[in-house]
C-alpha cells in the first residue's frame, strides 16, 4: 500500500468535514445571528430547524473525521446540503452580482455533495474507526 493510498482518504475526510464542523459549531455560538438570517429567508420553526442543522453538521463532520458510520454521516450531510442549497442559494430568483455570488455558493455545495457521494459509495477508506480497527472498510 502506497503512502497516498494509506493516508489520503483520511486527509480527504478531514478536509471535507471542516466546513461542516465549523458551520455547525457556528450555528450554536451565534444563535441569534443565524435565527435572523433564517428569518430573512422566510423559514418557519427556525429554532428546531437550526438545532437539527447544527447537530447534523457536527455529528456528520465527526463521523467523517473518525470514519465511524461515515457513509451514514456523508448521506445525512448530503441531504442537509441539498436542502440548504435550494433554500439559501436561490440564484435563479436574483440578478447581477448577487445572482453570481449565490450561483458560486450553489456550485460549491454541488462540489461538496459530489465528495460526500464518493464517501457514501466507497466508504471512509483507511485510518477509519468504522471497522473497529485502522483498516480499509
N, C-alpha and C. Protein backbone atom coordinates (compact mmCIF):
# COMPACT_ATOMS: atom_id res chain seq x y z
N UNK A 1 0.84 -1.17 0.00
CA UNK A 1 0.00 0.00 0.00
C UNK A 1 0.89 1.25 0.00
N UNK A 2 0.59 2.16 -0.91
CA UNK A 2 1.39 3.37 -1.01
C UNK A 2 1.01 4.37 0.07
N UNK A 3 1.86 5.35 0.24
CA UNK A 3 1.61 6.42 1.19
C UNK A 3 0.30 7.14 0.87
N UNK A 4 0.07 7.39 -0.41
CA UNK A 4 -1.16 8.06 -0.83
C UNK A 4 -2.38 7.23 -0.49
N UNK A 5 -2.34 5.95 -0.81
CA UNK A 5 -3.48 5.07 -0.52
C UNK A 5 -3.74 4.96 0.98
N UNK A 6 -2.68 5.02 1.75
CA UNK A 6 -2.82 4.86 3.19
C UNK A 6 -3.39 6.10 3.88
N UNK A 7 -2.92 7.29 3.51
CA UNK A 7 -3.26 8.50 4.26
C UNK A 7 -4.22 9.46 3.58
N UNK A 8 -4.30 9.46 2.26
CA UNK A 8 -5.13 10.46 1.58
C UNK A 8 -6.62 10.32 1.86
N UNK A 9 -7.17 9.12 2.00
CA UNK A 9 -8.60 9.07 2.35
C UNK A 9 -8.89 9.78 3.69
N UNK A 10 -8.02 9.60 4.66
CA UNK A 10 -8.18 10.25 5.96
C UNK A 10 -8.05 11.76 5.83
N UNK A 11 -7.04 12.22 5.11
CA UNK A 11 -6.86 13.65 4.90
C UNK A 11 -8.06 14.24 4.15
N UNK A 12 -8.54 13.52 3.14
CA UNK A 12 -9.71 13.97 2.40
C UNK A 12 -10.94 14.08 3.27
N UNK A 13 -11.14 13.11 4.17
CA UNK A 13 -12.29 13.17 5.07
C UNK A 13 -12.19 14.36 6.01
N UNK A 14 -10.99 14.64 6.49
CA UNK A 14 -10.81 15.81 7.37
C UNK A 14 -11.12 17.10 6.61
N UNK A 15 -10.56 17.24 5.42
CA UNK A 15 -10.78 18.45 4.63
C UNK A 15 -12.26 18.63 4.31
N UNK A 16 -12.94 17.56 3.97
CA UNK A 16 -14.36 17.62 3.64
C UNK A 16 -15.21 17.94 4.86
N UNK A 17 -14.77 17.52 6.01
CA UNK A 17 -15.58 17.69 7.23
C UNK A 17 -15.44 19.08 7.85
N UNK A 18 -14.34 19.77 7.60
CA UNK A 18 -14.08 21.04 8.29
C UNK A 18 -15.17 22.08 8.09
N UNK A 19 -15.69 22.20 6.88
CA UNK A 19 -16.71 23.22 6.62
C UNK A 19 -17.97 22.93 7.44
N UNK A 20 -18.29 21.64 7.62
CA UNK A 20 -19.48 21.29 8.39
C UNK A 20 -19.26 21.46 9.88
N UNK A 21 -18.08 21.11 10.35
CA UNK A 21 -17.78 21.25 11.78
C UNK A 21 -17.81 22.72 12.19
N UNK A 22 -17.16 23.56 11.42
CA UNK A 22 -17.12 25.00 11.72
C UNK A 22 -18.52 25.61 11.61
N UNK A 23 -19.25 25.25 10.59
CA UNK A 23 -20.60 25.78 10.39
C UNK A 23 -21.54 25.31 11.50
N UNK A 24 -21.46 24.05 11.87
CA UNK A 24 -22.34 23.53 12.93
C UNK A 24 -22.07 24.18 14.26
N UNK A 25 -20.82 24.33 14.62
CA UNK A 25 -20.46 24.99 15.87
C UNK A 25 -20.90 26.46 15.82
N UNK A 26 -20.69 27.09 14.66
CA UNK A 26 -21.08 28.48 14.49
C UNK A 26 -22.58 28.72 14.66
N UNK A 27 -23.37 27.74 14.28
CA UNK A 27 -24.82 27.89 14.45
C UNK A 27 -25.19 28.05 15.92
N UNK A 28 -24.49 27.33 16.79
CA UNK A 28 -24.79 27.40 18.22
C UNK A 28 -24.10 28.59 18.89
N UNK A 29 -22.93 28.99 18.40
CA UNK A 29 -22.22 30.11 19.01
C UNK A 29 -22.85 31.46 18.65
N UNK A 30 -23.44 31.55 17.47
CA UNK A 30 -24.12 32.80 17.06
C UNK A 30 -25.58 32.48 16.76
N UNK A 31 -26.25 31.97 17.75
CA UNK A 31 -27.63 31.53 17.59
C UNK A 31 -28.52 32.65 17.05
N UNK A 32 -28.49 33.83 17.67
CA UNK A 32 -29.39 34.92 17.27
C UNK A 32 -29.10 35.39 15.84
N UNK A 33 -27.84 35.45 15.47
CA UNK A 33 -27.49 35.84 14.11
C UNK A 33 -27.99 34.84 13.08
N UNK A 34 -27.90 33.57 13.41
CA UNK A 34 -28.39 32.54 12.49
C UNK A 34 -29.90 32.53 12.41
N UNK A 35 -30.57 32.79 13.53
CA UNK A 35 -32.03 32.90 13.51
C UNK A 35 -32.46 34.06 12.63
N UNK A 36 -31.78 35.19 12.76
CA UNK A 36 -32.12 36.37 11.95
C UNK A 36 -31.91 36.09 10.46
N UNK A 37 -30.84 35.40 10.12
CA UNK A 37 -30.57 35.06 8.72
C UNK A 37 -31.66 34.14 8.18
N UNK A 38 -32.06 33.15 8.97
CA UNK A 38 -33.11 32.23 8.54
C UNK A 38 -34.44 32.95 8.38
N UNK A 39 -34.71 33.90 9.25
CA UNK A 39 -35.96 34.68 9.15
C UNK A 39 -36.01 35.46 7.84
N UNK A 40 -34.88 35.96 7.38
CA UNK A 40 -34.82 36.70 6.12
C UNK A 40 -35.22 35.82 4.94
N UNK A 41 -35.06 34.51 5.11
CA UNK A 41 -35.38 33.57 4.03
C UNK A 41 -36.76 32.94 4.20
N UNK A 42 -37.54 33.47 5.14
CA UNK A 42 -38.92 33.05 5.30
C UNK A 42 -39.12 31.65 5.87
N UNK A 43 -38.17 31.16 6.61
CA UNK A 43 -38.31 29.82 7.19
C UNK A 43 -39.25 29.83 8.39
N UNK A 44 -39.79 28.69 8.70
CA UNK A 44 -40.66 28.51 9.86
C UNK A 44 -39.96 27.57 10.84
N UNK A 45 -40.43 27.52 12.07
CA UNK A 45 -39.87 26.64 13.10
C UNK A 45 -38.34 26.75 13.16
N UNK A 46 -37.87 27.97 13.09
CA UNK A 46 -36.43 28.21 12.96
C UNK A 46 -35.60 27.60 14.09
N UNK A 47 -35.98 27.73 15.35
CA UNK A 47 -35.14 27.14 16.40
C UNK A 47 -34.97 25.63 16.25
N UNK A 48 -36.03 24.95 15.86
CA UNK A 48 -35.95 23.50 15.67
C UNK A 48 -35.07 23.16 14.47
N UNK A 49 -35.34 23.83 13.35
CA UNK A 49 -34.55 23.57 12.14
C UNK A 49 -33.08 23.92 12.33
N UNK A 50 -32.82 25.00 13.03
CA UNK A 50 -31.44 25.42 13.26
C UNK A 50 -30.71 24.41 14.15
N UNK A 51 -31.37 23.94 15.18
CA UNK A 51 -30.76 22.94 16.06
C UNK A 51 -30.49 21.63 15.30
N UNK A 52 -31.44 21.22 14.47
CA UNK A 52 -31.25 20.00 13.68
C UNK A 52 -30.09 20.17 12.72
N UNK A 53 -30.06 21.29 12.01
CA UNK A 53 -28.99 21.54 11.05
C UNK A 53 -27.63 21.55 11.74
N UNK A 54 -27.53 22.25 12.88
CA UNK A 54 -26.26 22.30 13.61
C UNK A 54 -25.83 20.93 14.08
N UNK A 55 -26.76 20.15 14.60
CA UNK A 55 -26.44 18.80 15.09
C UNK A 55 -26.01 17.89 13.95
N UNK A 56 -26.72 17.95 12.82
CA UNK A 56 -26.35 17.12 11.66
C UNK A 56 -24.96 17.50 11.17
N UNK A 57 -24.67 18.80 11.12
CA UNK A 57 -23.35 19.23 10.66
C UNK A 57 -22.24 18.73 11.59
N UNK A 58 -22.43 18.89 12.89
CA UNK A 58 -21.38 18.48 13.84
C UNK A 58 -21.23 16.96 13.86
N UNK A 59 -22.33 16.25 13.99
CA UNK A 59 -22.25 14.78 14.04
C UNK A 59 -21.78 14.19 12.72
N UNK A 60 -22.25 14.77 11.61
CA UNK A 60 -21.79 14.31 10.31
C UNK A 60 -20.30 14.54 10.12
N UNK A 61 -19.82 15.70 10.54
CA UNK A 61 -18.39 16.00 10.44
C UNK A 61 -17.57 15.04 11.29
N UNK A 62 -18.04 14.77 12.50
CA UNK A 62 -17.31 13.84 13.37
C UNK A 62 -17.30 12.43 12.79
N UNK A 63 -18.39 12.04 12.14
CA UNK A 63 -18.41 10.71 11.53
C UNK A 63 -17.43 10.63 10.36
N UNK A 64 -17.28 11.73 9.62
CA UNK A 64 -16.30 11.74 8.53
C UNK A 64 -14.88 11.71 9.08
N UNK A 65 -14.62 12.50 10.09
CA UNK A 65 -13.26 12.56 10.65
C UNK A 65 -12.84 11.21 11.20
N UNK A 66 -13.72 10.59 11.96
CA UNK A 66 -13.37 9.31 12.59
C UNK A 66 -13.54 8.12 11.66
N UNK A 67 -14.38 8.28 10.66
CA UNK A 67 -14.70 7.16 9.77
C UNK A 67 -15.79 6.26 10.35
N UNK A 68 -16.26 6.58 11.52
CA UNK A 68 -17.30 5.78 12.18
C UNK A 68 -18.66 6.18 11.61
N UNK A 69 -19.34 5.23 11.00
CA UNK A 69 -20.61 5.50 10.31
C UNK A 69 -20.46 6.60 9.26
N UNK A 70 -19.33 6.60 8.59
CA UNK A 70 -19.02 7.67 7.63
C UNK A 70 -20.02 7.71 6.48
N UNK A 71 -20.48 6.56 6.02
CA UNK A 71 -21.44 6.55 4.91
C UNK A 71 -22.75 7.20 5.33
N UNK A 72 -23.21 6.90 6.54
CA UNK A 72 -24.45 7.48 7.04
C UNK A 72 -24.26 8.99 7.26
N UNK A 73 -23.13 9.36 7.86
CA UNK A 73 -22.84 10.77 8.07
C UNK A 73 -22.76 11.54 6.77
N UNK A 74 -22.11 10.97 5.77
CA UNK A 74 -21.99 11.63 4.47
C UNK A 74 -23.35 11.76 3.81
N UNK A 75 -24.19 10.75 3.93
CA UNK A 75 -25.53 10.82 3.35
C UNK A 75 -26.39 11.87 4.05
N UNK A 76 -26.29 11.95 5.36
CA UNK A 76 -27.04 12.98 6.11
C UNK A 76 -26.57 14.37 5.71
N UNK A 77 -25.26 14.57 5.59
CA UNK A 77 -24.73 15.87 5.18
C UNK A 77 -25.14 16.19 3.75
N UNK A 78 -25.17 15.19 2.90
CA UNK A 78 -25.61 15.38 1.51
C UNK A 78 -27.05 15.91 1.49
N UNK A 79 -27.93 15.26 2.24
CA UNK A 79 -29.32 15.69 2.28
C UNK A 79 -29.48 17.09 2.83
N UNK A 80 -28.79 17.38 3.91
CA UNK A 80 -28.84 18.71 4.50
C UNK A 80 -28.35 19.76 3.51
N UNK A 81 -27.24 19.47 2.85
CA UNK A 81 -26.66 20.43 1.92
C UNK A 81 -27.56 20.63 0.70
N UNK A 82 -28.27 19.60 0.27
CA UNK A 82 -29.20 19.75 -0.85
C UNK A 82 -30.31 20.74 -0.48
N UNK A 83 -30.86 20.59 0.72
CA UNK A 83 -31.93 21.49 1.17
C UNK A 83 -31.39 22.91 1.33
N UNK A 84 -30.26 23.04 2.00
CA UNK A 84 -29.66 24.36 2.22
C UNK A 84 -29.37 25.06 0.89
N UNK A 85 -28.88 24.31 -0.08
CA UNK A 85 -28.56 24.90 -1.39
C UNK A 85 -29.80 25.46 -2.06
N UNK A 86 -30.90 24.74 -1.99
CA UNK A 86 -32.13 25.19 -2.63
C UNK A 86 -32.79 26.35 -1.90
N UNK A 87 -32.70 26.36 -0.57
CA UNK A 87 -33.37 27.39 0.23
C UNK A 87 -32.56 28.69 0.28
N UNK A 88 -31.26 28.58 0.49
CA UNK A 88 -30.46 29.77 0.75
C UNK A 88 -29.67 30.29 -0.45
N UNK A 89 -29.53 29.51 -1.48
CA UNK A 89 -28.71 29.94 -2.62
C UNK A 89 -29.54 29.95 -3.91
N UNK A 90 -30.66 30.64 -3.87
CA UNK A 90 -31.62 30.69 -4.98
C UNK A 90 -31.21 31.71 -6.03
N UNK A 91 -30.10 31.44 -6.68
CA UNK A 91 -29.55 32.35 -7.68
C UNK A 91 -30.53 32.61 -8.82
N UNK A 92 -31.42 31.69 -9.09
CA UNK A 92 -32.37 31.79 -10.19
C UNK A 92 -33.43 32.88 -9.96
N UNK A 93 -33.55 33.39 -8.73
CA UNK A 93 -34.52 34.46 -8.44
C UNK A 93 -33.85 35.82 -8.39
N UNK A 94 -32.54 35.87 -8.58
CA UNK A 94 -31.77 37.11 -8.43
C UNK A 94 -31.20 37.56 -9.76
N UNK A 95 -30.53 38.69 -9.73
CA UNK A 95 -29.85 39.17 -10.93
C UNK A 95 -28.54 39.85 -10.53
N UNK A 96 -27.71 40.04 -11.52
CA UNK A 96 -26.46 40.77 -11.32
C UNK A 96 -25.47 40.06 -10.41
N UNK A 97 -24.76 40.87 -9.65
CA UNK A 97 -23.68 40.37 -8.80
C UNK A 97 -24.19 39.40 -7.74
N UNK A 98 -25.34 39.70 -7.13
CA UNK A 98 -25.90 38.81 -6.11
C UNK A 98 -26.23 37.44 -6.69
N UNK A 99 -26.73 37.40 -7.91
CA UNK A 99 -27.01 36.13 -8.57
C UNK A 99 -25.72 35.34 -8.77
N UNK A 100 -24.65 36.03 -9.17
CA UNK A 100 -23.36 35.36 -9.38
C UNK A 100 -22.81 34.81 -8.06
N UNK A 101 -22.92 35.59 -6.99
CA UNK A 101 -22.46 35.11 -5.68
C UNK A 101 -23.22 33.86 -5.25
N UNK A 102 -24.53 33.88 -5.40
CA UNK A 102 -25.34 32.74 -4.99
C UNK A 102 -25.11 31.53 -5.89
N UNK A 103 -24.89 31.76 -7.16
CA UNK A 103 -24.57 30.66 -8.08
C UNK A 103 -23.25 30.00 -7.67
N UNK A 104 -22.27 30.81 -7.32
CA UNK A 104 -20.98 30.27 -6.88
C UNK A 104 -21.15 29.42 -5.62
N UNK A 105 -21.93 29.91 -4.66
CA UNK A 105 -22.19 29.14 -3.44
C UNK A 105 -22.93 27.84 -3.76
N UNK A 106 -23.88 27.92 -4.66
CA UNK A 106 -24.65 26.74 -5.06
C UNK A 106 -23.73 25.70 -5.70
N UNK A 107 -22.88 26.14 -6.61
CA UNK A 107 -21.96 25.21 -7.29
C UNK A 107 -20.93 24.64 -6.32
N UNK A 108 -20.47 25.45 -5.36
CA UNK A 108 -19.56 24.95 -4.32
C UNK A 108 -20.24 23.83 -3.55
N UNK A 109 -21.50 24.03 -3.21
CA UNK A 109 -22.24 23.00 -2.49
C UNK A 109 -22.39 21.73 -3.33
N UNK A 110 -22.62 21.89 -4.63
CA UNK A 110 -22.70 20.71 -5.50
C UNK A 110 -21.38 19.94 -5.50
N UNK A 111 -20.26 20.66 -5.52
CA UNK A 111 -18.95 20.00 -5.50
C UNK A 111 -18.76 19.24 -4.19
N UNK A 112 -19.14 19.83 -3.08
CA UNK A 112 -19.04 19.16 -1.78
C UNK A 112 -19.95 17.94 -1.76
N UNK A 113 -21.15 18.08 -2.32
CA UNK A 113 -22.08 16.96 -2.38
C UNK A 113 -21.48 15.80 -3.19
N UNK A 114 -20.73 16.13 -4.24
CA UNK A 114 -20.04 15.09 -5.01
C UNK A 114 -19.03 14.33 -4.17
N UNK A 115 -18.27 15.05 -3.36
CA UNK A 115 -17.32 14.39 -2.46
C UNK A 115 -18.02 13.53 -1.44
N UNK A 116 -19.14 14.01 -0.92
CA UNK A 116 -19.90 13.22 0.05
C UNK A 116 -20.44 11.95 -0.59
N UNK A 117 -20.92 12.04 -1.84
CA UNK A 117 -21.40 10.83 -2.52
C UNK A 117 -20.28 9.81 -2.72
N UNK A 118 -19.07 10.28 -2.96
CA UNK A 118 -17.93 9.36 -3.08
C UNK A 118 -17.75 8.56 -1.79
N UNK A 119 -17.91 9.21 -0.65
CA UNK A 119 -17.78 8.50 0.62
C UNK A 119 -18.95 7.55 0.83
N UNK A 120 -20.15 7.97 0.43
CA UNK A 120 -21.31 7.08 0.54
C UNK A 120 -21.05 5.79 -0.24
N UNK A 121 -20.49 5.91 -1.42
CA UNK A 121 -20.29 4.75 -2.29
C UNK A 121 -19.08 3.92 -1.88
N UNK A 122 -17.97 4.57 -1.58
CA UNK A 122 -16.72 3.83 -1.36
C UNK A 122 -16.41 3.57 0.11
N UNK A 123 -17.07 4.28 1.01
CA UNK A 123 -16.75 4.15 2.43
C UNK A 123 -15.63 5.09 2.81
N UNK A 124 -15.24 5.05 4.07
CA UNK A 124 -14.27 6.03 4.58
C UNK A 124 -12.83 5.78 4.17
N UNK A 125 -12.48 4.58 3.76
CA UNK A 125 -11.10 4.30 3.41
C UNK A 125 -10.26 3.99 4.63
N UNK A 126 -8.97 4.17 4.50
CA UNK A 126 -8.02 3.83 5.56
C UNK A 126 -8.10 4.78 6.74
N UNK A 127 -7.49 4.35 7.85
CA UNK A 127 -7.45 5.12 9.08
C UNK A 127 -8.86 5.50 9.53
N UNK A 128 -9.71 4.51 9.56
CA UNK A 128 -11.11 4.70 9.90
C UNK A 128 -11.46 3.83 11.11
N UNK A 129 -12.27 4.38 12.00
CA UNK A 129 -12.75 3.59 13.13
C UNK A 129 -13.99 2.78 12.75
N UNK A 130 -14.41 2.89 11.52
CA UNK A 130 -15.64 2.24 11.06
C UNK A 130 -15.63 0.74 11.21
N UNK A 131 -14.48 0.11 11.22
CA UNK A 131 -14.42 -1.34 11.37
C UNK A 131 -13.90 -1.75 12.73
N UNK A 132 -13.66 -0.77 13.59
CA UNK A 132 -13.13 -1.08 14.92
C UNK A 132 -11.63 -1.17 14.93
N UNK A 133 -10.99 -1.04 13.78
CA UNK A 133 -9.54 -1.01 13.69
C UNK A 133 -9.14 -0.09 12.55
N UNK A 134 -7.90 0.17 12.41
CA UNK A 134 -7.43 1.12 11.40
C UNK A 134 -7.18 0.41 10.07
N UNK A 135 -8.22 -0.09 9.48
CA UNK A 135 -8.09 -0.76 8.19
C UNK A 135 -9.17 -0.27 7.24
N UNK A 136 -9.02 -0.65 6.03
CA UNK A 136 -10.00 -0.26 4.98
C UNK A 136 -11.31 -0.99 5.23
N UNK A 137 -12.41 -0.25 5.05
CA UNK A 137 -13.75 -0.82 5.23
C UNK A 137 -14.15 -1.55 3.98
